[in-house]
Amino acid sequence: MPSFAGTFRIALGIGCDRGTPQATIASAVAGALAAAGLSDARIVAVASITLKADEAGLLSCAAAHGWPLHFYPPAELDCVQVPHPSAIVRRHTGSGSVSAAAALRAAGAVSDSGTELSALLLEKHTLRGADGRNVTVSIARCVDHSTPSPDHS
């Protein structure tokens, strides 16, 4: 398990199946944080794709923890450089990445000069819940102390 010293903030990127319950999303977030050796106290933003702007489980999970939630359109996420884009994810969403791209975008690691891939602390943590729903969580270190990039929903 990695260990990240120092004080820094993180943004989570979350992708999930339609209809994923809050409990399954919360379990995936807990698993991702544990895999990265991080505490939820570092979370300053959660982000996803605009297709999930009405996803009840995602909305309620963020609200339950007081995490600001940001949504980005598929075309914007598809422009974010990620280590392993997925043709399957692109076919379903219009972007080759949801969780990693959203985490990097919300963390301020995307600029006109490119993507700061070193900010990606955990590329993908996946969970298939007991309910059969899939969740993917990515974690990115915020590159500065400004507010996460505004959403486009």
N, C-alpha and C. Protein backbone atom coordinates (compact mmCIF):
# COMPACT_ATOMS: atom_id res chain seq x y z
N MET A 1 0.85 -1.18 0.00
CA MET A 1 0.00 0.00 0.00
C MET A 1 0.89 1.23 0.00
N PRO A 2 0.62 2.19 -0.92
CA PRO A 2 1.42 3.41 -0.93
C PRO A 2 1.15 4.25 0.31
N SER A 3 2.11 5.08 0.63
CA SER A 3 1.94 5.99 1.75
C SER A 3 2.32 7.38 1.27
N PHE A 4 1.38 8.31 1.38
CA PHE A 4 1.61 9.67 0.92
C PHE A 4 1.73 10.58 2.13
N ALA A 5 2.91 11.13 2.33
CA ALA A 5 3.16 12.02 3.47
C ALA A 5 2.79 13.45 3.10
N GLY A 6 2.69 14.26 4.11
CA GLY A 6 2.42 15.68 3.90
C GLY A 6 0.94 15.99 3.88
N THR A 7 0.67 17.26 3.82
CA THR A 7 -0.73 17.69 3.76
C THR A 7 -1.04 18.16 2.36
N PHE A 8 -1.95 17.53 1.74
CA PHE A 8 -2.41 17.91 0.42
C PHE A 8 -3.86 17.48 0.31
N ARG A 9 -4.52 18.06 -0.66
CA ARG A 9 -5.93 17.76 -0.87
C ARG A 9 -6.08 16.86 -2.09
N ILE A 10 -7.20 16.14 -2.13
CA ILE A 10 -7.44 15.23 -3.24
C ILE A 10 -8.83 15.45 -3.84
N ALA A 11 -8.93 15.06 -5.09
CA ALA A 11 -10.21 15.02 -5.79
C ALA A 11 -10.45 13.58 -6.21
N LEU A 12 -11.68 13.15 -6.09
CA LEU A 12 -12.07 11.81 -6.55
C LEU A 12 -12.80 11.93 -7.87
N GLY A 13 -12.52 11.01 -8.76
CA GLY A 13 -13.31 10.86 -9.97
C GLY A 13 -14.08 9.56 -9.83
N ILE A 14 -15.36 9.58 -10.14
CA ILE A 14 -16.19 8.39 -9.96
C ILE A 14 -16.99 8.12 -11.23
N GLY A 15 -16.93 6.88 -11.66
CA GLY A 15 -17.79 6.38 -12.73
C GLY A 15 -18.57 5.21 -12.16
N CYS A 16 -19.81 5.04 -12.60
CA CYS A 16 -20.62 3.95 -12.06
C CYS A 16 -21.70 3.54 -13.05
N ASP A 17 -22.21 2.33 -12.84
CA ASP A 17 -23.36 1.88 -13.60
C ASP A 17 -24.58 2.72 -13.23
N ARG A 18 -25.49 2.84 -14.16
CA ARG A 18 -26.75 3.53 -13.89
C ARG A 18 -27.49 2.80 -12.77
N GLY A 19 -27.99 3.55 -11.80
CA GLY A 19 -28.75 2.97 -10.70
C GLY A 19 -27.92 2.40 -9.57
N THR A 20 -26.63 2.76 -9.51
CA THR A 20 -25.78 2.25 -8.43
C THR A 20 -26.18 2.90 -7.11
N PRO A 21 -26.44 2.09 -6.08
CA PRO A 21 -26.84 2.65 -4.78
C PRO A 21 -25.70 3.40 -4.08
N GLN A 22 -26.09 4.32 -3.22
CA GLN A 22 -25.13 5.10 -2.43
C GLN A 22 -24.17 4.19 -1.68
N ALA A 23 -24.67 3.13 -1.07
CA ALA A 23 -23.82 2.24 -0.26
C ALA A 23 -22.72 1.61 -1.10
N THR A 24 -23.02 1.24 -2.33
CA THR A 24 -22.01 0.64 -3.20
C THR A 24 -20.95 1.67 -3.58
N ILE A 25 -21.39 2.89 -3.88
CA ILE A 25 -20.44 3.95 -4.20
C ILE A 25 -19.56 4.26 -2.99
N ALA A 26 -20.17 4.35 -1.81
CA ALA A 26 -19.40 4.62 -0.59
C ALA A 26 -18.39 3.51 -0.33
N SER A 27 -18.75 2.26 -0.58
CA SER A 27 -17.81 1.15 -0.40
C SER A 27 -16.64 1.25 -1.37
N ALA A 28 -16.93 1.64 -2.60
CA ALA A 28 -15.87 1.79 -3.59
C ALA A 28 -14.92 2.93 -3.20
N VAL A 29 -15.47 4.03 -2.71
CA VAL A 29 -14.64 5.15 -2.27
C VAL A 29 -13.76 4.72 -1.11
N ALA A 30 -14.34 4.03 -0.14
CA ALA A 30 -13.56 3.55 1.02
C ALA A 30 -12.45 2.62 0.57
N GLY A 31 -12.73 1.74 -0.37
CA GLY A 31 -11.71 0.83 -0.89
C GLY A 31 -10.60 1.55 -1.61
N ALA A 32 -10.95 2.56 -2.39
CA ALA A 32 -9.94 3.35 -3.11
C ALA A 32 -9.05 4.10 -2.14
N LEU A 33 -9.66 4.72 -1.14
CA LEU A 33 -8.87 5.45 -0.14
C LEU A 33 -7.94 4.50 0.61
N ALA A 34 -8.44 3.33 0.97
CA ALA A 34 -7.61 2.35 1.67
C ALA A 34 -6.46 1.88 0.78
N ALA A 35 -6.75 1.64 -0.49
CA ALA A 35 -5.70 1.19 -1.42
C ALA A 35 -4.61 2.24 -1.58
N ALA A 36 -4.99 3.51 -1.49
CA ALA A 36 -4.01 4.60 -1.63
C ALA A 36 -3.42 5.03 -0.30
N GLY A 37 -3.92 4.48 0.80
CA GLY A 37 -3.42 4.88 2.12
C GLY A 37 -3.79 6.30 2.48
N LEU A 38 -4.98 6.72 2.08
CA LEU A 38 -5.43 8.10 2.30
C LEU A 38 -6.69 8.15 3.14
N SER A 39 -6.93 9.31 3.74
CA SER A 39 -8.11 9.55 4.55
C SER A 39 -9.13 10.38 3.78
N ASP A 40 -10.40 10.18 4.07
CA ASP A 40 -11.42 10.98 3.40
C ASP A 40 -11.38 12.45 3.83
N ALA A 41 -10.62 12.75 4.87
CA ALA A 41 -10.47 14.15 5.31
C ALA A 41 -9.75 14.99 4.25
N ARG A 42 -9.04 14.35 3.33
CA ARG A 42 -8.30 15.08 2.29
C ARG A 42 -9.18 15.44 1.09
N ILE A 43 -10.37 14.86 1.00
CA ILE A 43 -11.22 15.06 -0.17
C ILE A 43 -11.82 16.46 -0.18
N VAL A 44 -11.60 17.17 -1.28
CA VAL A 44 -12.19 18.50 -1.45
C VAL A 44 -13.16 18.56 -2.62
N ALA A 45 -13.19 17.52 -3.44
CA ALA A 45 -14.10 17.50 -4.58
C ALA A 45 -14.30 16.08 -5.07
N VAL A 46 -15.47 15.85 -5.62
CA VAL A 46 -15.80 14.61 -6.30
C VAL A 46 -16.29 15.02 -7.68
N ALA A 47 -15.89 14.26 -8.70
CA ALA A 47 -16.26 14.63 -10.06
C ALA A 47 -16.66 13.42 -10.88
N SER A 48 -17.46 13.67 -11.89
CA SER A 48 -17.88 12.63 -12.81
C SER A 48 -18.26 13.28 -14.14
N ILE A 49 -18.86 12.51 -14.98
CA ILE A 49 -19.29 12.94 -16.30
C ILE A 49 -20.72 13.49 -16.21
N THR A 50 -21.08 14.43 -17.08
CA THR A 50 -22.42 15.03 -17.03
C THR A 50 -23.53 14.00 -17.17
N LEU A 51 -23.25 12.87 -17.79
CA LEU A 51 -24.25 11.81 -17.91
C LEU A 51 -24.69 11.29 -16.54
N LYS A 52 -23.91 11.55 -15.51
CA LYS A 52 -24.21 11.08 -14.15
C LYS A 52 -24.78 12.19 -13.26
N ALA A 53 -25.10 13.33 -13.84
CA ALA A 53 -25.58 14.47 -13.04
C ALA A 53 -26.88 14.18 -12.30
N ASP A 54 -27.61 13.16 -12.74
CA ASP A 54 -28.86 12.79 -12.07
C ASP A 54 -28.77 11.43 -11.38
N GLU A 55 -27.55 10.94 -11.19
CA GLU A 55 -27.34 9.62 -10.57
C GLU A 55 -27.56 9.73 -9.07
N ALA A 56 -28.69 9.22 -8.58
CA ALA A 56 -29.11 9.39 -7.18
C ALA A 56 -28.07 8.89 -6.18
N GLY A 57 -27.49 7.73 -6.42
CA GLY A 57 -26.50 7.18 -5.49
C GLY A 57 -25.27 8.05 -5.38
N LEU A 58 -24.81 8.58 -6.50
CA LEU A 58 -23.65 9.47 -6.51
C LEU A 58 -23.96 10.79 -5.81
N LEU A 59 -25.11 11.36 -6.13
CA LEU A 59 -25.52 12.62 -5.52
C LEU A 59 -25.66 12.48 -4.01
N SER A 60 -26.29 11.39 -3.56
CA SER A 60 -26.51 11.22 -2.12
C SER A 60 -25.21 10.89 -1.39
N CYS A 61 -24.30 10.17 -2.03
CA CYS A 61 -23.01 9.86 -1.40
C CYS A 61 -22.22 11.15 -1.17
N ALA A 62 -22.15 11.99 -2.19
CA ALA A 62 -21.41 13.25 -2.05
C ALA A 62 -22.08 14.15 -1.00
N ALA A 63 -23.40 14.22 -1.03
CA ALA A 63 -24.12 15.06 -0.07
C ALA A 63 -23.94 14.57 1.36
N ALA A 64 -23.95 13.26 1.55
CA ALA A 64 -23.81 12.69 2.89
C ALA A 64 -22.47 13.04 3.52
N HIS A 65 -21.45 13.25 2.69
CA HIS A 65 -20.12 13.58 3.19
C HIS A 65 -19.79 15.07 3.08
N GLY A 66 -20.68 15.83 2.47
CA GLY A 66 -20.42 17.26 2.29
C GLY A 66 -19.37 17.55 1.23
N TRP A 67 -19.21 16.64 0.28
CA TRP A 67 -18.22 16.81 -0.78
C TRP A 67 -18.85 17.56 -1.96
N PRO A 68 -18.21 18.65 -2.41
CA PRO A 68 -18.70 19.32 -3.62
C PRO A 68 -18.62 18.37 -4.81
N LEU A 69 -19.64 18.38 -5.64
CA LEU A 69 -19.72 17.47 -6.77
C LEU A 69 -19.68 18.28 -8.06
N HIS A 70 -18.78 17.89 -8.98
CA HIS A 70 -18.59 18.58 -10.25
C HIS A 70 -18.82 17.60 -11.39
N PHE A 71 -19.40 18.09 -12.46
CA PHE A 71 -19.65 17.25 -13.63
C PHE A 71 -19.03 17.91 -14.86
N TYR A 72 -18.43 17.07 -15.72
CA TYR A 72 -17.78 17.55 -16.93
C TYR A 72 -18.35 16.82 -18.14
N PRO A 73 -18.52 17.53 -19.26
CA PRO A 73 -19.07 16.90 -20.46
C PRO A 73 -18.09 15.88 -21.05
N PRO A 74 -18.64 14.88 -21.76
CA PRO A 74 -17.79 13.84 -22.34
C PRO A 74 -16.65 14.38 -23.20
N ALA A 75 -16.92 15.37 -24.04
CA ALA A 75 -15.87 15.90 -24.92
C ALA A 75 -14.73 16.51 -24.12
N GLU A 76 -15.05 17.14 -23.00
CA GLU A 76 -14.00 17.74 -22.17
C GLU A 76 -13.17 16.66 -21.48
N LEU A 77 -13.82 15.62 -20.97
CA LEU A 77 -13.08 14.53 -20.33
C LEU A 77 -12.25 13.76 -21.34
N ASP A 78 -12.76 13.63 -22.56
CA ASP A 78 -12.04 12.86 -23.57
C ASP A 78 -10.74 13.54 -23.98
N CYS A 79 -10.61 14.83 -23.73
CA CYS A 79 -9.38 15.57 -24.05
C CYS A 79 -8.32 15.44 -22.97
N VAL A 80 -8.68 14.88 -21.81
CA VAL A 80 -7.73 14.74 -20.71
C VAL A 80 -6.86 13.51 -20.96
N GLN A 81 -5.55 13.70 -20.92
CA GLN A 81 -4.62 12.59 -21.09
C GLN A 81 -4.68 11.70 -19.86
N VAL A 82 -4.91 10.40 -20.07
CA VAL A 82 -4.91 9.42 -18.98
C VAL A 82 -4.03 8.25 -19.39
N PRO A 83 -3.52 7.50 -18.42
CA PRO A 83 -2.62 6.39 -18.76
C PRO A 83 -3.25 5.28 -19.60
N HIS A 84 -4.52 4.96 -19.34
CA HIS A 84 -5.15 3.83 -20.02
C HIS A 84 -6.59 4.14 -20.42
N PRO A 85 -6.78 4.90 -21.51
CA PRO A 85 -8.15 5.15 -21.95
C PRO A 85 -8.81 3.85 -22.40
N SER A 86 -10.13 3.80 -22.32
CA SER A 86 -10.87 2.59 -22.64
C SER A 86 -11.82 2.80 -23.82
N ALA A 87 -11.70 1.95 -24.82
CA ALA A 87 -12.61 2.02 -25.97
C ALA A 87 -14.03 1.69 -25.54
N ILE A 88 -14.18 0.80 -24.59
CA ILE A 88 -15.52 0.42 -24.10
C ILE A 88 -16.17 1.61 -23.39
N VAL A 89 -15.42 2.28 -22.53
CA VAL A 89 -15.95 3.45 -21.83
C VAL A 89 -16.30 4.53 -22.85
N ARG A 90 -15.45 4.73 -23.85
CA ARG A 90 -15.71 5.74 -24.88
C ARG A 90 -17.01 5.41 -25.63
N ARG A 91 -17.23 4.15 -25.94
CA ARG A 91 -18.43 3.75 -26.67
C ARG A 91 -19.70 4.06 -25.86
N HIS A 92 -19.63 3.88 -24.54
CA HIS A 92 -20.81 4.10 -23.70
C HIS A 92 -21.00 5.55 -23.26
N THR A 93 -19.90 6.32 -23.18
CA THR A 93 -20.01 7.67 -22.61
C THR A 93 -19.57 8.80 -23.54
N GLY A 94 -18.80 8.47 -24.56
CA GLY A 94 -18.24 9.52 -25.41
C GLY A 94 -16.88 10.00 -24.95
N SER A 95 -16.36 9.39 -23.89
CA SER A 95 -15.03 9.73 -23.37
C SER A 95 -14.27 8.44 -23.09
N GLY A 96 -12.99 8.43 -23.37
CA GLY A 96 -12.17 7.26 -23.12
C GLY A 96 -11.89 7.02 -21.65
N SER A 97 -12.25 7.98 -20.81
CA SER A 97 -12.06 7.86 -19.37
C SER A 97 -13.12 8.71 -18.67
N VAL A 98 -13.65 8.18 -17.58
CA VAL A 98 -14.54 8.97 -16.73
C VAL A 98 -13.85 9.25 -15.41
N SER A 99 -13.54 8.21 -14.65
CA SER A 99 -13.04 8.45 -13.28
C SER A 99 -11.68 9.14 -13.26
N ALA A 100 -10.70 8.64 -14.01
CA ALA A 100 -9.36 9.25 -13.97
C ALA A 100 -9.39 10.66 -14.56
N ALA A 101 -10.07 10.83 -15.69
CA ALA A 101 -10.13 12.15 -16.32
C ALA A 101 -10.86 13.15 -15.42
N ALA A 102 -11.94 12.73 -14.79
CA ALA A 102 -12.70 13.63 -13.91
C ALA A 102 -11.89 14.00 -12.68
N ALA A 103 -11.17 13.03 -12.11
CA ALA A 103 -10.33 13.32 -10.94
C ALA A 103 -9.25 14.33 -11.29
N LEU A 104 -8.56 14.11 -12.40
CA LEU A 104 -7.50 15.03 -12.82
C LEU A 104 -8.06 16.42 -13.12
N ARG A 105 -9.21 16.47 -13.76
CA ARG A 105 -9.83 17.76 -14.10
C ARG A 105 -10.22 18.51 -12.83
N ALA A 106 -10.87 17.84 -11.90
CA ALA A 106 -11.31 18.49 -10.65
C ALA A 106 -10.13 18.89 -9.78
N ALA A 107 -9.01 18.16 -9.90
CA ALA A 107 -7.82 18.46 -9.10
C ALA A 107 -7.00 19.61 -9.67
N GLY A 108 -7.39 20.12 -10.81
CA GLY A 108 -6.65 21.23 -11.41
C GLY A 108 -5.38 20.78 -12.11
N ALA A 109 -5.32 19.50 -12.48
CA ALA A 109 -4.11 18.95 -13.10
C ALA A 109 -4.16 19.01 -14.62
N VAL A 110 -5.18 19.66 -15.17
CA VAL A 110 -5.33 19.78 -16.61
C VAL A 110 -5.22 21.26 -16.98
N SER A 111 -4.33 21.55 -17.93
CA SER A 111 -4.16 22.93 -18.39
C SER A 111 -3.96 22.93 -19.89
N ASP A 112 -3.81 24.11 -20.46
CA ASP A 112 -3.58 24.22 -21.90
C ASP A 112 -2.30 23.52 -22.32
N SER A 113 -1.36 23.39 -21.39
CA SER A 113 -0.08 22.75 -21.73
C SER A 113 -0.11 21.24 -21.53
N GLY A 114 -1.22 20.69 -21.09
CA GLY A 114 -1.33 19.24 -20.95
C GLY A 114 -1.85 18.82 -19.59
N THR A 115 -1.67 17.53 -19.32
CA THR A 115 -2.15 16.94 -18.08
C THR A 115 -0.98 16.56 -17.20
N GLU A 116 -1.03 16.95 -15.94
CA GLU A 116 0.01 16.59 -14.98
C GLU A 116 -0.31 15.19 -14.43
N LEU A 117 0.14 14.17 -15.16
CA LEU A 117 -0.19 12.79 -14.79
C LEU A 117 0.36 12.39 -13.43
N SER A 118 1.41 13.05 -12.96
CA SER A 118 1.96 12.71 -11.64
C SER A 118 0.95 13.02 -10.53
N ALA A 119 -0.07 13.81 -10.82
CA ALA A 119 -1.10 14.11 -9.83
C ALA A 119 -2.03 12.93 -9.61
N LEU A 120 -2.03 11.97 -10.52
CA LEU A 120 -2.92 10.81 -10.41
C LEU A 120 -2.33 9.82 -9.41
N LEU A 121 -2.88 9.80 -8.21
CA LEU A 121 -2.37 8.95 -7.14
C LEU A 121 -2.88 7.52 -7.24
N LEU A 122 -4.10 7.35 -7.71
CA LEU A 122 -4.69 6.02 -7.90
C LEU A 122 -5.47 6.08 -9.20
N GLU A 123 -4.99 5.36 -10.22
CA GLU A 123 -5.63 5.45 -11.53
C GLU A 123 -7.05 4.89 -11.50
N LYS A 124 -7.20 3.68 -11.01
CA LYS A 124 -8.54 3.08 -10.99
C LYS A 124 -8.65 2.07 -9.86
N HIS A 125 -9.70 2.22 -9.09
CA HIS A 125 -10.09 1.19 -8.11
C HIS A 125 -11.51 0.80 -8.52
N THR A 126 -11.69 -0.47 -8.83
CA THR A 126 -13.01 -0.91 -9.28
C THR A 126 -13.65 -1.81 -8.24
N LEU A 127 -14.97 -1.73 -8.18
CA LEU A 127 -15.74 -2.57 -7.26
C LEU A 127 -17.02 -2.99 -7.97
N ARG A 128 -17.31 -4.27 -7.90
CA ARG A 128 -18.62 -4.78 -8.31
C ARG A 128 -19.35 -5.09 -7.02
N GLY A 129 -20.36 -4.32 -6.72
CA GLY A 129 -21.09 -4.46 -5.47
C GLY A 129 -21.93 -5.73 -5.43
N ALA A 130 -22.39 -6.06 -4.24
CA ALA A 130 -23.27 -7.22 -4.07
C ALA A 130 -24.55 -7.05 -4.89
N ASP A 131 -24.88 -5.82 -5.23
CA ASP A 131 -26.05 -5.51 -6.05
C ASP A 131 -25.79 -5.70 -7.54
N GLY A 132 -24.53 -6.07 -7.89
CA GLY A 132 -24.16 -6.28 -9.29
C GLY A 132 -23.75 -5.01 -10.02
N ARG A 133 -23.77 -3.88 -9.35
CA ARG A 133 -23.41 -2.60 -9.97
C ARG A 133 -21.91 -2.36 -9.86
N ASN A 134 -21.34 -1.77 -10.89
CA ASN A 134 -19.91 -1.49 -10.96
C ASN A 134 -19.62 -0.02 -10.67
N VAL A 135 -18.53 0.21 -9.93
CA VAL A 135 -18.07 1.56 -9.62
C VAL A 135 -16.57 1.61 -9.86
N THR A 136 -16.10 2.69 -10.44
CA THR A 136 -14.67 2.94 -10.59
C THR A 136 -14.35 4.27 -9.93
N VAL A 137 -13.31 4.27 -9.09
CA VAL A 137 -12.89 5.48 -8.38
C VAL A 137 -11.42 5.75 -8.71
N SER A 138 -11.12 7.00 -9.01
CA SER A 138 -9.74 7.45 -9.22
C SER A 138 -9.46 8.58 -8.24
N ILE A 139 -8.19 8.73 -7.88
CA ILE A 139 -7.80 9.77 -6.92
C ILE A 139 -6.67 10.60 -7.51
N ALA A 140 -6.85 11.92 -7.47
CA ALA A 140 -5.81 12.84 -7.94
C ALA A 140 -5.50 13.86 -6.86
N ARG A 141 -4.21 14.18 -6.74
CA ARG A 141 -3.75 15.22 -5.81
C ARG A 141 -4.03 16.57 -6.43
N CYS A 142 -4.63 17.46 -5.65
CA CYS A 142 -4.87 18.82 -6.14
C CYS A 142 -3.52 19.51 -6.33
N VAL A 143 -3.34 20.12 -7.49
CA VAL A 143 -2.04 20.69 -7.81
C VAL A 143 -1.84 22.08 -7.24
N ASP A 144 -2.91 22.70 -6.78
CA ASP A 144 -2.78 23.98 -6.09
C ASP A 144 -3.94 24.08 -5.10
N HIS A 145 -4.03 25.19 -4.40
CA HIS A 145 -5.06 25.32 -3.39
C HIS A 145 -6.24 26.17 -3.85
N SER A 146 -6.42 26.24 -5.15
CA SER A 146 -7.58 26.97 -5.66
C SER A 146 -8.80 26.05 -5.63
N THR A 147 -9.93 26.64 -5.88
CA THR A 147 -11.16 25.87 -5.94
C THR A 147 -11.11 24.97 -7.17
N PRO A 148 -11.64 23.74 -7.08
CA PRO A 148 -11.67 22.87 -8.25
C PRO A 148 -12.36 23.57 -9.43
N SER A 149 -11.98 23.15 -10.62
CA SER A 149 -12.53 23.74 -11.83
C SER A 149 -14.05 23.67 -11.80
N PRO A 150 -14.72 24.70 -12.31
CA PRO A 150 -16.18 24.71 -12.27
C PRO A 150 -16.77 23.59 -13.12
N ASP A 151 -17.98 23.19 -12.74
CA ASP A 151 -18.62 22.15 -13.52
C ASP A 151 -19.31 22.77 -14.73
N HIS A 152 -19.78 21.91 -15.58
CA HIS A 152 -20.43 22.36 -16.80
C HIS A 152 -21.82 21.76 -16.92
N SER A 153 -22.45 21.49 -15.79
CA SER A 153 -23.78 20.88 -15.85
C SER A 153 -24.85 21.93 -15.91
